[in-house]
Amino acid sequence: MTSNDTYASWATKVYDWTTSVKLIDSNYNVFDGADAPDCTDTNTHQWSYNLATYLYGAAVMQSYTGGNSTWVDNTNGLLNATSYFFVPPEYSNANIMYEPDCEFAHSCNSDQLSFKSYLALALAVTSVLAPSTAGKITPLLQASAQGAGAACSGRDNACGTLWYIDGTDNTSGLGQQLCAMDVMLSLLAW
């Protein structure tokens, strides 16, 4: 941390602007952007990296401000919103990280295949900077790491995309490897 309040001031301005234009809604869902031509129509796609970026920033601000209640609320709200990115309870492997806007449809592009990496790292950092969140974060990262480990037992020990199937989906690539590595590394945060 730089102890330069300019950064904190800009972080607050950016967060406030983002909520004012409804790219973060009252439930702390973080949307992907706004559609052209006038950017007034919010694109309501949700990707884990968008939320991860704001969660990480809120946790940094919570720590930097010594637990300012606004940043505590923002951190907790964003953390609760991550539930969108964990397999729902009706599946046997619930609470495992996934990218809902593309994984079930098997339509993730190469960028989207890396997004769980950012969420895993943001969750790990949040649990350190805002220790009260660790009790919620730890089981999510543990379940996801276990799912990722099972997904890494396929072809050439490469890691697959779908961590919630309790095995490999026989896909692999840089994004999948990055996500699996980062969810495993996130467990070292404690």
Foldseek 3Di string as FASTA:
>chain_A
DPLDCVVVVVLVVVVVVCDVLPCQDPLRQHFDFADDDVRSHTHRQGALLRLLVQLLSLLVSCLSVVRDPVSVVNNVSSVVNCLVQWADPVAPLTLAGATVVDDVVVRDDPVSLQRLLSNLQSLLSSCVSPVVCCVVSVVSLVSNLQLQCQQQPDDVSAGARDSRPSHHPPDHDDNSNSNNVSSVVSNVSD
